[in-house]
Amino acid sequence: MKRKIHIDTIKALLSKTGNKCAFDGCDHPIFDQNNLYIANLCHLEGVSENGPRHNRNHAIIQNNSFDNLMFLCYRHHKEIDSNPQKFSVEILKQFKSNHEAKFDET
């Protein structure tokens, strides 16, 4: 499946990160002090058919929507995708919601 994500979606996601990983308690930056992108843009419900938390009922547009994406540091992206039983879609949605709520005002 295509993973092309609209630039406006990326901008909207970045505006709610505080330049930090969305994993609860992690403050790893999305961009470092040299403005180098050092994180991952991650799908809550996986795109790949054999990937973690894949939802075969999602259309491409849903897979790449604001609601199905969040920024994570590499470590937490790997940890989450390596353990989809522990990190369900519901838990990831809660991570995303809690993280974005911190930056709604900014």
PDB file of N, CA and C in Angstrom:
ATOM      1  N   MET A   1       0.833  -1.193   0.000  1.00  0.00           N
ATOM      2  CA  MET A   1       0.000   0.000   0.000  1.00  0.00           C
ATOM      3  C   MET A   1       0.869   1.245   0.000  1.00  0.00           C
ATOM      4  N   LYS A   2       0.321   2.305  -0.521  1.00  0.00           N
ATOM      5  CA  LYS A   2       1.042   3.568  -0.571  1.00  0.00           C
ATOM      6  C   LYS A   2       1.092   4.212   0.810  1.00  0.00           C
ATOM      7  N   ARG A   3       2.200   4.835   1.074  1.00  0.00           N
ATOM      8  CA  ARG A   3       2.378   5.517   2.353  1.00  0.00           C
ATOM      9  C   ARG A   3       2.521   7.018   2.180  1.00  0.00           C
ATOM     10  N   LYS A   4       2.080   7.532   1.050  1.00  0.00           N
ATOM     11  CA  LYS A   4       2.202   8.971   0.822  1.00  0.00           C
ATOM     12  C   LYS A   4       1.269   9.714   1.771  1.00  0.00           C
ATOM     13  N   ILE A   5       1.868  10.559   2.569  1.00  0.00           N
ATOM     14  CA  ILE A   5       1.118  11.319   3.568  1.00  0.00           C
ATOM     15  C   ILE A   5       1.137  12.780   3.171  1.00  0.00           C
ATOM     16  N   HIS A   6      -0.027  13.387   3.144  1.00  0.00           N
ATOM     17  CA  HIS A   6      -0.174  14.774   2.703  1.00  0.00           C
ATOM     18  C   HIS A   6       0.616  15.702   3.632  1.00  0.00           C
ATOM     19  N   ILE A   7       1.281  16.678   3.066  1.00  0.00           N
ATOM     20  CA  ILE A   7       2.110  17.617   3.829  1.00  0.00           C
ATOM     21  C   ILE A   7       1.303  18.356   4.895  1.00  0.00           C
ATOM     22  N   ASP A   8       0.041  18.665   4.611  1.00  0.00           N
ATOM     23  CA  ASP A   8      -0.785  19.345   5.615  1.00  0.00           C
ATOM     24  C   ASP A   8      -1.027  18.450   6.832  1.00  0.00           C
ATOM     25  N   THR A   9      -1.126  17.159   6.614  1.00  0.00           N
ATOM     26  CA  THR A   9      -1.291  16.212   7.725  1.00  0.00           C
ATOM     27  C   THR A   9      -0.022  16.196   8.571  1.00  0.00           C
ATOM     28  N   ILE A  10       1.119  16.177   7.913  1.00  0.00           N
ATOM     29  CA  ILE A  10       2.395  16.187   8.638  1.00  0.00           C
ATOM     30  C   ILE A  10       2.538  17.471   9.450  1.00  0.00           C
ATOM     31  N   LYS A  11       2.205  18.590   8.855  1.00  0.00           N
ATOM     32  CA  LYS A  11       2.287  19.879   9.562  1.00  0.00           C
ATOM     33  C   LYS A  11       1.369  19.899  10.779  1.00  0.00           C
ATOM     34  N   ALA A  12       0.152  19.397  10.604  1.00  0.00           N
ATOM     35  CA  ALA A  12      -0.805  19.362  11.719  1.00  0.00           C
ATOM     36  C   ALA A  12      -0.289  18.464  12.840  1.00  0.00           C
ATOM     37  N   LEU A  13       0.266  17.319  12.474  1.00  0.00           N
ATOM     38  CA  LEU A  13       0.825  16.414  13.483  1.00  0.00           C
ATOM     39  C   LEU A  13       1.986  17.073  14.223  1.00  0.00           C
ATOM     40  N   LEU A  14       2.889  17.704  13.473  1.00  0.00           N
ATOM     41  CA  LEU A  14       4.039  18.354  14.099  1.00  0.00           C
ATOM     42  C   LEU A  14       3.619  19.470  15.048  1.00  0.00           C
ATOM     43  N   SER A  15       2.545  20.163  14.714  1.00  0.00           N
ATOM     44  CA  SER A  15       2.092  21.273  15.556  1.00  0.00           C
ATOM     45  C   SER A  15       1.613  20.804  16.923  1.00  0.00           C
ATOM     46  N   LYS A  16       1.367  19.512  17.061  1.00  0.00           N
ATOM     47  CA  LYS A  16       0.871  18.974  18.332  1.00  0.00           C
ATOM     48  C   LYS A  16       1.862  18.036  19.007  1.00  0.00           C
ATOM     49  N   THR A  17       3.147  18.140  18.651  1.00  0.00           N
ATOM     50  CA  THR A  17       4.144  17.247  19.254  1.00  0.00           C
ATOM     51  C   THR A  17       4.942  17.887  20.379  1.00  0.00           C
ATOM     52  N   GLY A  18       5.057  19.202  20.377  1.00  0.00           N
ATOM     53  CA  GLY A  18       5.970  19.838  21.315  1.00  0.00           C
ATOM     54  C   GLY A  18       7.407  19.427  21.036  1.00  0.00           C
ATOM     55  N   ASN A  19       7.637  18.928  19.814  1.00  0.00           N
ATOM     56  CA  ASN A  19       8.937  18.412  19.375  1.00  0.00           C
ATOM     57  C   ASN A  19       9.404  17.254  20.254  1.00  0.00           C
ATOM     58  N   LYS A  20       8.430  16.423  20.685  1.00  0.00           N
ATOM     59  CA  LYS A  20       8.753  15.277  21.537  1.00  0.00           C
ATOM     60  C   LYS A  20       8.041  14.023  21.066  1.00  0.00           C
ATOM     61  N   CYS A  21       8.656  12.890  21.323  1.00  0.00           N
ATOM     62  CA  CYS A  21       8.073  11.568  21.078  1.00  0.00           C
ATOM     63  C   CYS A  21       6.741  11.463  21.829  1.00  0.00           C
ATOM     64  N   ALA A  22       5.758  10.811  21.220  1.00  0.00           N
ATOM     65  CA  ALA A  22       4.425  10.688  21.828  1.00  0.00           C
ATOM     66  C   ALA A  22       4.338   9.579  22.879  1.00  0.00           C
ATOM     67  N   PHE A  23       5.378   8.775  23.032  1.00  0.00           N
ATOM     68  CA  PHE A  23       5.353   7.715  24.043  1.00  0.00           C
ATOM     69  C   PHE A  23       5.322   8.364  25.420  1.00  0.00           C
ATOM     70  N   ASP A  24       4.427   7.893  26.259  1.00  0.00           N
ATOM     71  CA  ASP A  24       4.227   8.489  27.574  1.00  0.00           C
ATOM     72  C   ASP A  24       5.532   8.557  28.369  1.00  0.00           C
ATOM     73  N   GLY A  25       5.918   9.764  28.743  1.00  0.00           N
ATOM     74  CA  GLY A  25       7.114   9.976  29.541  1.00  0.00           C
ATOM     75  C   GLY A  25       8.398  10.180  28.766  1.00  0.00           C
ATOM     76  N   CYS A  26       8.364  10.014  27.451  1.00  0.00           N
ATOM     77  CA  CYS A  26       9.569  10.181  26.636  1.00  0.00           C
ATOM     78  C   CYS A  26       9.683  11.634  26.166  1.00  0.00           C
ATOM     79  N   ASP A  27      10.864  12.190  26.275  1.00  0.00           N
ATOM     80  CA  ASP A  27      11.057  13.554  25.776  1.00  0.00           C
ATOM     81  C   ASP A  27      12.126  13.622  24.688  1.00  0.00           C
ATOM     82  N   HIS A  28      12.313  12.491  24.001  1.00  0.00           N
ATOM     83  CA  HIS A  28      13.230  12.462  22.855  1.00  0.00           C
ATOM     84  C   HIS A  28      12.666  13.401  21.786  1.00  0.00           C
ATOM     85  N   PRO A  29      13.500  14.263  21.209  1.00  0.00           N
ATOM     86  CA  PRO A  29      12.995  15.235  20.222  1.00  0.00           C
ATOM     87  C   PRO A  29      12.659  14.606  18.867  1.00  0.00           C
ATOM     88  N   ILE A  30      11.803  15.285  18.140  1.00  0.00           N
ATOM     89  CA  ILE A  30      11.478  14.932  16.752  1.00  0.00           C
ATOM     90  C   ILE A  30      12.572  15.505  15.838  1.00  0.00           C
ATOM     91  N   PHE A  31      12.979  16.744  16.138  1.00  0.00           N
ATOM     92  CA  PHE A  31      14.088  17.409  15.441  1.00  0.00           C
ATOM     93  C   PHE A  31      15.135  17.785  16.478  1.00  0.00           C
ATOM     94  N   ASP A  32      16.406  17.571  16.154  1.00  0.00           N
ATOM     95  CA  ASP A  32      17.462  17.925  17.099  1.00  0.00           C
ATOM     96  C   ASP A  32      17.811  19.414  16.995  1.00  0.00           C
ATOM     97  N   GLN A  33      18.829  19.818  17.728  1.00  0.00           N
ATOM     98  CA  GLN A  33      19.211  21.240  17.774  1.00  0.00           C
ATOM     99  C   GLN A  33      19.698  21.768  16.426  1.00  0.00           C
ATOM    100  N   ASN A  34      20.020  20.873  15.496  1.00  0.00           N
ATOM    101  CA  ASN A  34      20.439  21.268  14.148  1.00  0.00           C
ATOM    102  C   ASN A  34      19.302  21.133  13.135  1.00  0.00           C
ATOM    103  N   ASN A  35      18.096  20.987  13.640  1.00  0.00           N
ATOM    104  CA  ASN A  35      16.889  20.795  12.818  1.00  0.00           C
ATOM    105  C   ASN A  35      16.954  19.527  11.973  1.00  0.00           C
ATOM    106  N   LEU A  36      17.674  18.532  12.455  1.00  0.00           N
ATOM    107  CA  LEU A  36      17.749  17.233  11.793  1.00  0.00           C
ATOM    108  C   LEU A  36      16.611  16.365  12.313  1.00  0.00           C
ATOM    109  N   TYR A  37      15.832  15.805  11.403  1.00  0.00           N
ATOM    110  CA  TYR A  37      14.716  14.925  11.753  1.00  0.00           C
ATOM    111  C   TYR A  37      15.273  13.616  12.301  1.00  0.00           C
ATOM    112  N   ILE A  38      14.990  13.314  13.567  1.00  0.00           N
ATOM    113  CA  ILE A  38      15.570  12.139  14.219  1.00  0.00           C
ATOM    114  C   ILE A  38      14.500  11.270  14.885  1.00  0.00           C
ATOM    115  N   ALA A  39      13.336  11.176  14.280  1.00  0.00           N
ATOM    116  CA  ALA A  39      12.238  10.389  14.835  1.00  0.00           C
ATOM    117  C   ALA A  39      11.583   9.592  13.713  1.00  0.00           C
ATOM    118  N   ASN A  40      10.453   8.989  14.009  1.00  0.00           N
ATOM    119  CA  ASN A  40       9.686   8.239  13.015  1.00  0.00           C
ATOM    120  C   ASN A  40       8.239   8.693  13.031  1.00  0.00           C
ATOM    121  N   LEU A  41       7.663   8.795  11.852  1.00  0.00           N
ATOM    122  CA  LEU A  41       6.227   9.025  11.726  1.00  0.00           C
ATOM    123  C   LEU A  41       5.596   7.640  11.654  1.00  0.00           C
ATOM    124  N   CYS A  42       4.717   7.321  12.588  1.00  0.00           N
ATOM    125  CA  CYS A  42       4.252   5.954  12.789  1.00  0.00           C
ATOM    126  C   CYS A  42       2.742   5.829  12.637  1.00  0.00           C
ATOM    127  N   HIS A  43       2.335   4.684  12.134  1.00  0.00           N
ATOM    128  CA  HIS A  43       0.914   4.365  11.996  1.00  0.00           C
ATOM    129  C   HIS A  43       0.426   3.646  13.243  1.00  0.00           C
ATOM    130  N   LEU A  44      -0.708   4.070  13.774  1.00  0.00           N
ATOM    131  CA  LEU A  44      -1.315   3.369  14.897  1.00  0.00           C
ATOM    132  C   LEU A  44      -1.862   2.027  14.422  1.00  0.00           C
ATOM    133  N   GLU A  45      -2.626   2.056  13.350  1.00  0.00           N
ATOM    134  CA  GLU A  45      -3.092   0.832  12.705  1.00  0.00           C
ATOM    135  C   GLU A  45      -2.197   0.641  11.487  1.00  0.00           C
ATOM    136  N   GLY A  46      -1.490  -0.476  11.463  1.00  0.00           N
ATOM    137  CA  GLY A  46      -0.462  -0.712  10.465  1.00  0.00           C
ATOM    138  C   GLY A  46      -0.948  -0.712   9.031  1.00  0.00           C
ATOM    139  N   VAL A  47      -0.086  -0.305   8.131  1.00  0.00           N
ATOM    140  CA  VAL A  47      -0.379  -0.259   6.700  1.00  0.00           C
ATOM    141  C   VAL A  47      -0.127  -1.618   6.055  1.00  0.00           C
ATOM    142  N   SER A  48       0.998  -2.233   6.374  1.00  0.00           N
ATOM    143  CA  SER A  48       1.371  -3.503   5.759  1.00  0.00           C
ATOM    144  C   SER A  48       0.459  -4.628   6.237  1.00  0.00           C
ATOM    145  N   GLU A  49       0.059  -5.478   5.298  1.00  0.00           N
ATOM    146  CA  GLU A  49      -0.847  -6.576   5.633  1.00  0.00           C
ATOM    147  C   GLU A  49      -0.292  -7.479   6.720  1.00  0.00           C
ATOM    148  N   ASN A  50       0.995  -7.679   6.747  1.00  0.00           N
ATOM    149  CA  ASN A  50       1.612  -8.535   7.759  1.00  0.00           C
ATOM    150  C   ASN A  50       2.194  -7.736   8.921  1.00  0.00           C
ATOM    151  N   GLY A  51       1.946  -6.444   8.923  1.00  0.00           N
ATOM    152  CA  GLY A  51       2.498  -5.589   9.964  1.00  0.00           C
ATOM    153  C   GLY A  51       1.671  -5.592  11.232  1.00  0.00           C
ATOM    154  N   PRO A  52       2.233  -5.036  12.291  1.00  0.00           N
ATOM    155  CA  PRO A  52       1.512  -4.984  13.558  1.00  0.00           C
ATOM    156  C   PRO A  52       0.274  -4.093  13.478  1.00  0.00           C
ATOM    157  N   ARG A  53      -0.787  -4.543  14.094  1.00  0.00           N
ATOM    158  CA  ARG A  53      -2.053  -3.804  14.228  1.00  0.00           C
ATOM    159  C   ARG A  53      -2.684  -3.442  12.885  1.00  0.00           C
ATOM    160  N   HIS A  54      -2.450  -4.243  11.862  1.00  0.00           N
ATOM    161  CA  HIS A  54      -3.029  -3.967  10.541  1.00  0.00           C
ATOM    162  C   HIS A  54      -4.552  -4.064  10.582  1.00  0.00           C
ATOM    163  N   ASN A  55      -5.200  -3.115   9.938  1.00  0.00           N
ATOM    164  CA  ASN A  55      -6.658  -3.114   9.822  1.00  0.00           C
ATOM    165  C   ASN A  55      -6.988  -3.207   8.334  1.00  0.00           C
ATOM    166  N   ARG A  56      -7.382  -4.382   7.890  1.00  0.00           N
ATOM    167  CA  ARG A  56      -7.644  -4.576   6.461  1.00  0.00           C
ATOM    168  C   ARG A  56      -8.864  -3.805   5.979  1.00  0.00           C
ATOM    169  N   ASN A  57      -9.652  -3.264   6.907  1.00  0.00           N
ATOM    170  CA  ASN A  57     -10.834  -2.487   6.524  1.00  0.00           C
ATOM    171  C   ASN A  57     -10.517  -1.017   6.272  1.00  0.00           C
ATOM    172  N   HIS A  58      -9.292  -0.612   6.567  1.00  0.00           N
ATOM    173  CA  HIS A  58      -8.885   0.778   6.343  1.00  0.00           C
ATOM    174  C   HIS A  58      -8.544   1.003   4.877  1.00  0.00           C
ATOM    175  N   ALA A  59      -9.023   2.086   4.342  1.00  0.00           N
ATOM    176  CA  ALA A  59      -8.608   2.533   3.013  1.00  0.00           C
ATOM    177  C   ALA A  59      -7.281   3.283   3.173  1.00  0.00           C
ATOM    178  N   ILE A  60      -6.579   3.474   2.068  1.00  0.00           N
ATOM    179  CA  ILE A  60      -5.293   4.180   2.110  1.00  0.00           C
ATOM    180  C   ILE A  60      -5.438   5.550   2.755  1.00  0.00           C
ATOM    181  N   ILE A  61      -6.516   6.244   2.437  1.00  0.00           N
ATOM    182  CA  ILE A  61      -6.697   7.590   2.992  1.00  0.00           C
ATOM    183  C   ILE A  61      -6.840   7.537   4.510  1.00  0.00           C
ATOM    184  N   GLN A  62      -7.462   6.495   5.054  1.00  0.00           N
ATOM    185  CA  GLN A  62      -7.578   6.350   6.503  1.00  0.00           C
ATOM    186  C   GLN A  62      -6.229   5.994   7.114  1.00  0.00           C
ATOM    187  N   ASN A  63      -5.479   5.133   6.440  1.00  0.00           N
ATOM    188  CA  ASN A  63      -4.165   4.741   6.947  1.00  0.00           C
ATOM    189  C   ASN A  63      -3.250   5.938   7.127  1.00  0.00           C
ATOM    190  N   ASN A  64      -3.352   6.889   6.239  1.00  0.00           N
ATOM    191  CA  ASN A  64      -2.459   8.051   6.247  1.00  0.00           C
ATOM    192  C   ASN A  64      -3.118   9.307   6.794  1.00  0.00           C
ATOM    193  N   SER A  65      -4.171   9.125   7.582  1.00  0.00           N
ATOM    194  CA  SER A  65      -4.889  10.271   8.145  1.00  0.00           C
ATOM    195  C   SER A  65      -4.257  10.730   9.457  1.00  0.00           C
ATOM    196  N   PHE A  66      -4.571  11.938   9.842  1.00  0.00           N
ATOM    197  CA  PHE A  66      -4.093  12.530  11.088  1.00  0.00           C
ATOM    198  C   PHE A  66      -4.360  11.594  12.271  1.00  0.00           C
ATOM    199  N   ASP A  67      -5.556  11.011  12.309  1.00  0.00           N
ATOM    200  CA  ASP A  67      -5.956  10.180  13.445  1.00  0.00           C
ATOM    201  C   ASP A  67      -5.190   8.867  13.542  1.00  0.00           C
ATOM    202  N   ASN A  68      -4.539   8.439  12.481  1.00  0.00           N
ATOM    203  CA  ASN A  68      -3.835   7.161  12.482  1.00  0.00           C
ATOM    204  C   ASN A  68      -2.311   7.320  12.493  1.00  0.00           C
ATOM    205  N   LEU A  69      -1.829   8.516  12.786  1.00  0.00           N
ATOM    206  CA  LEU A  69      -0.393   8.786  12.750  1.00  0.00           C
ATOM    207  C   LEU A  69       0.078   9.510  14.004  1.00  0.00           C
ATOM    208  N   MET A  70       1.304   9.233  14.393  1.00  0.00           N
ATOM    209  CA  MET A  70       1.946   9.987  15.469  1.00  0.00           C
ATOM    210  C   MET A  70       3.457   9.864  15.321  1.00  0.00           C
ATOM    211  N   PHE A  71       4.167  10.800  15.902  1.00  0.00           N
ATOM    212  CA  PHE A  71       5.618  10.780  15.883  1.00  0.00           C
ATOM    213  C   PHE A  71       6.137  10.080  17.129  1.00  0.00           C
ATOM    214  N   LEU A  72       7.086   9.167  16.911  1.00  0.00           N
ATOM    215  CA  LEU A  72       7.745   8.463  17.995  1.00  0.00           C
ATOM    216  C   LEU A  72       9.252   8.476  17.751  1.00  0.00           C
ATOM    217  N   CYS A  73      10.016   8.373  18.820  1.00  0.00           N
ATOM    218  CA  CYS A  73      11.449   8.158  18.651  1.00  0.00           C
ATOM    219  C   CYS A  73      11.640   6.745  18.116  1.00  0.00           C
ATOM    220  N   TYR A  74      12.821   6.487  17.583  1.00  0.00           N
ATOM    221  CA  TYR A  74      13.093   5.175  16.995  1.00  0.00           C
ATOM    222  C   TYR A  74      12.912   4.060  18.025  1.00  0.00           C
ATOM    223  N   ARG A  75      13.424   4.262  19.214  1.00  0.00           N
ATOM    224  CA  ARG A  75      13.354   3.240  20.266  1.00  0.00           C
ATOM    225  C   ARG A  75      11.923   2.837  20.553  1.00  0.00           C
ATOM    226  N   HIS A  76      11.051   3.829  20.750  1.00  0.00           N
ATOM    227  CA  HIS A  76       9.665   3.509  21.100  1.00  0.00           C
ATOM    228  C   HIS A  76       8.875   2.982  19.906  1.00  0.00           C
ATOM    229  N   HIS A  77       9.192   3.436  18.715  1.00  0.00           N
ATOM    230  CA  HIS A  77       8.550   2.870  17.523  1.00  0.00           C
ATOM    231  C   HIS A  77       8.871   1.376  17.446  1.00  0.00           C
ATOM    232  N   LYS A  78      10.128   1.025  17.634  1.00  0.00           N
ATOM    233  CA  LYS A  78      10.565  -0.371  17.579  1.00  0.00           C
ATOM    234  C   LYS A  78       9.916  -1.193  18.704  1.00  0.00           C
ATOM    235  N   GLU A  79       9.896  -0.633  19.896  1.00  0.00           N
ATOM    236  CA  GLU A  79       9.313  -1.337  21.046  1.00  0.00           C
ATOM    237  C   GLU A  79       7.817  -1.605  20.833  1.00  0.00           C
ATOM    238  N   ILE A  80       7.100  -0.620  20.349  1.00  0.00           N
ATOM    239  CA  ILE A  80       5.659  -0.755  20.121  1.00  0.00           C
ATOM    240  C   ILE A  80       5.371  -1.779  19.028  1.00  0.00           C
ATOM    241  N   ASP A  81       6.086  -1.679  17.919  1.00  0.00           N
ATOM    242  CA  ASP A  81       5.822  -2.601  16.813  1.00  0.00           C
ATOM    243  C   ASP A  81       6.292  -4.025  17.116  1.00  0.00           C
ATOM    244  N   SER A  82       7.223  -4.176  18.049  1.00  0.00           N
ATOM    245  CA  SER A  82       7.695  -5.501  18.425  1.00  0.00           C
ATOM    246  C   SER A  82       6.764  -6.198  19.413  1.00  0.00           C
ATOM    247  N   ASN A  83       5.826  -5.458  19.972  1.00  0.00           N
ATOM    248  CA  ASN A  83       4.935  -6.032  20.969  1.00  0.00           C
ATOM    249  C   ASN A  83       3.502  -5.513  20.784  1.00  0.00           C
ATOM    250  N   PRO A  84       2.854  -5.865  19.662  1.00  0.00           N
ATOM    251  CA  PRO A  84       1.508  -5.340  19.390  1.00  0.00           C
ATOM    252  C   PRO A  84       0.439  -5.836  20.366  1.00  0.00           C
ATOM    253  N   GLN A  85       0.705  -6.940  21.075  1.00  0.00           N
ATOM    254  CA  GLN A  85      -0.265  -7.395  22.070  1.00  0.00           C
ATOM    255  C   GLN A  85      -0.288  -6.439  23.266  1.00  0.00           C
ATOM    256  N   LYS A  86       0.873  -5.974  23.661  1.00  0.00           N
ATOM    257  CA  LYS A  86       0.974  -5.032  24.778  1.00  0.00           C
ATOM    258  C   LYS A  86       0.521  -3.637  24.360  1.00  0.00           C
ATOM    259  N   PHE A  87       0.902  -3.242  23.137  1.00  0.00           N
ATOM    260  CA  PHE A  87       0.593  -1.896  22.650  1.00  0.00           C
ATOM    261  C   PHE A  87      -0.491  -1.981  21.578  1.00  0.00           C
ATOM    262  N   SER A  88      -1.715  -2.105  22.020  1.00  0.00           N
ATOM    263  CA  SER A  88      -2.864  -2.215  21.115  1.00  0.00           C
ATOM    264  C   SER A  88      -3.172  -0.857  20.480  1.00  0.00           C
ATOM    265  N   VAL A  89      -4.037  -0.864  19.502  1.00  0.00           N
ATOM    266  CA  VAL A  89      -4.470   0.383  18.859  1.00  0.00           C
ATOM    267  C   VAL A  89      -5.079   1.316  19.905  1.00  0.00           C
ATOM    268  N   GLU A  90      -5.866   0.765  20.812  1.00  0.00           N
ATOM    269  CA  GLU A  90      -6.511   1.586  21.845  1.00  0.00           C
ATOM    270  C   GLU A  90      -5.480   2.271  22.736  1.00  0.00           C
ATOM    271  N   ILE A  91      -4.443   1.538  23.113  1.00  0.00           N
ATOM    272  CA  ILE A  91      -3.386   2.131  23.946  1.00  0.00           C
ATOM    273  C   ILE A  91      -2.645   3.212  23.170  1.00  0.00           C
ATOM    274  N   LEU A  92      -2.344   2.953  21.905  1.00  0.00           N
ATOM    275  CA  LEU A  92      -1.646   3.956  21.095  1.00  0.00           C
ATOM    276  C   LEU A  92      -2.501   5.199  20.886  1.00  0.00           C
ATOM    277  N   LYS A  93      -3.800   5.020  20.714  1.00  0.00           N
ATOM    278  CA  LYS A  93      -4.699   6.180  20.592  1.00  0.00           C
ATOM    279  C   LYS A  93      -4.686   7.004  21.875  1.00  0.00           C
ATOM    280  N   GLN A  94      -4.596   6.326  23.017  1.00  0.00           N
ATOM    281  CA  GLN A  94      -4.522   7.046  24.290  1.00  0.00           C
ATOM    282  C   GLN A  94      -3.206   7.801  24.410  1.00  0.00           C
ATOM    283  N   PHE A  95      -2.088   7.168  24.021  1.00  0.00           N
ATOM    284  CA  PHE A  95      -0.798   7.872  23.997  1.00  0.00           C
ATOM    285  C   PHE A  95      -0.901   9.140  23.159  1.00  0.00           C
ATOM    286  N   LYS A  96      -1.438   8.985  21.960  1.00  0.00           N
ATOM    287  CA  LYS A  96      -1.559  10.101  21.016  1.00  0.00           C
ATOM    288  C   LYS A  96      -2.434  11.211  21.606  1.00  0.00           C
ATOM    289  N   SER A  97      -3.572  10.831  22.123  1.00  0.00           N
ATOM    290  CA  SER A  97      -4.517  11.799  22.689  1.00  0.00           C
ATOM    291  C   SER A  97      -3.900  12.550  23.868  1.00  0.00           C
ATOM    292  N   ASN A  98      -3.286  11.823  24.789  1.00  0.00           N
ATOM    293  CA  ASN A  98      -2.655  12.459  25.956  1.00  0.00           C
ATOM    294  C   ASN A  98      -1.528  13.398  25.534  1.00  0.00           C
ATOM    295  N   HIS A  99      -0.730  12.959  24.582  1.00  0.00           N
ATOM    296  CA  HIS A  99       0.404  13.772  24.132  1.00  0.00           C
ATOM    297  C   HIS A  99      -0.077  15.053  23.442  1.00  0.00           C
ATOM    298  N   GLU A 100      -1.038  14.910  22.531  1.00  0.00           N
ATOM    299  CA  GLU A 100      -1.534  16.077  21.791  1.00  0.00           C
ATOM    300  C   GLU A 100      -2.266  17.058  22.696  1.00  0.00           C
ATOM    301  N   ALA A 101      -2.906  16.554  23.748  1.00  0.00           N
ATOM    302  CA  ALA A 101      -3.620  17.444  24.676  1.00  0.00           C
ATOM    303  C   ALA A 101      -2.672  18.407  25.361  1.00  0.00           C
ATOM    304  N   LYS A 102      -1.424  17.990  25.578  1.00  0.00           N
ATOM    305  CA  LYS A 102      -0.427  18.855  26.209  1.00  0.00           C
ATOM    306  C   LYS A 102      -0.112  20.081  25.346  1.00  0.00           C
ATOM    307  N   PHE A 103      -0.334  19.959  24.035  1.00  0.00           N
ATOM    308  CA  PHE A 103       0.103  21.008  23.115  1.00  0.00           C
ATOM    309  C   PHE A 103      -1.047  21.647  22.336  1.00  0.00           C
ATOM    310  N   ASP A 104      -2.279  21.404  22.762  1.00  0.00           N
ATOM    311  CA  ASP A 104      -3.445  21.982  22.090  1.00  0.00           C
ATOM    312  C   ASP A 104      -3.423  23.505  22.104  1.00  0.00           C
ATOM    313  N   GLU A 105      -2.941  24.076  23.165  1.00  0.00           N
ATOM    314  CA  GLU A 105      -2.959  25.525  23.322  1.00  0.00           C
ATOM    315  C   GLU A 105      -1.851  26.230  22.551  1.00  0.00           C
ATOM    316  N   THR A 106      -0.773  25.494  22.218  1.00  0.00           N
ATOM    317  CA  THR A 106       0.396  26.157  21.622  1.00  0.00           C
ATOM    318  C   THR A 106       0.313  26.202  20.119  1.00  0.00           C
TER     319      THR A 106
END
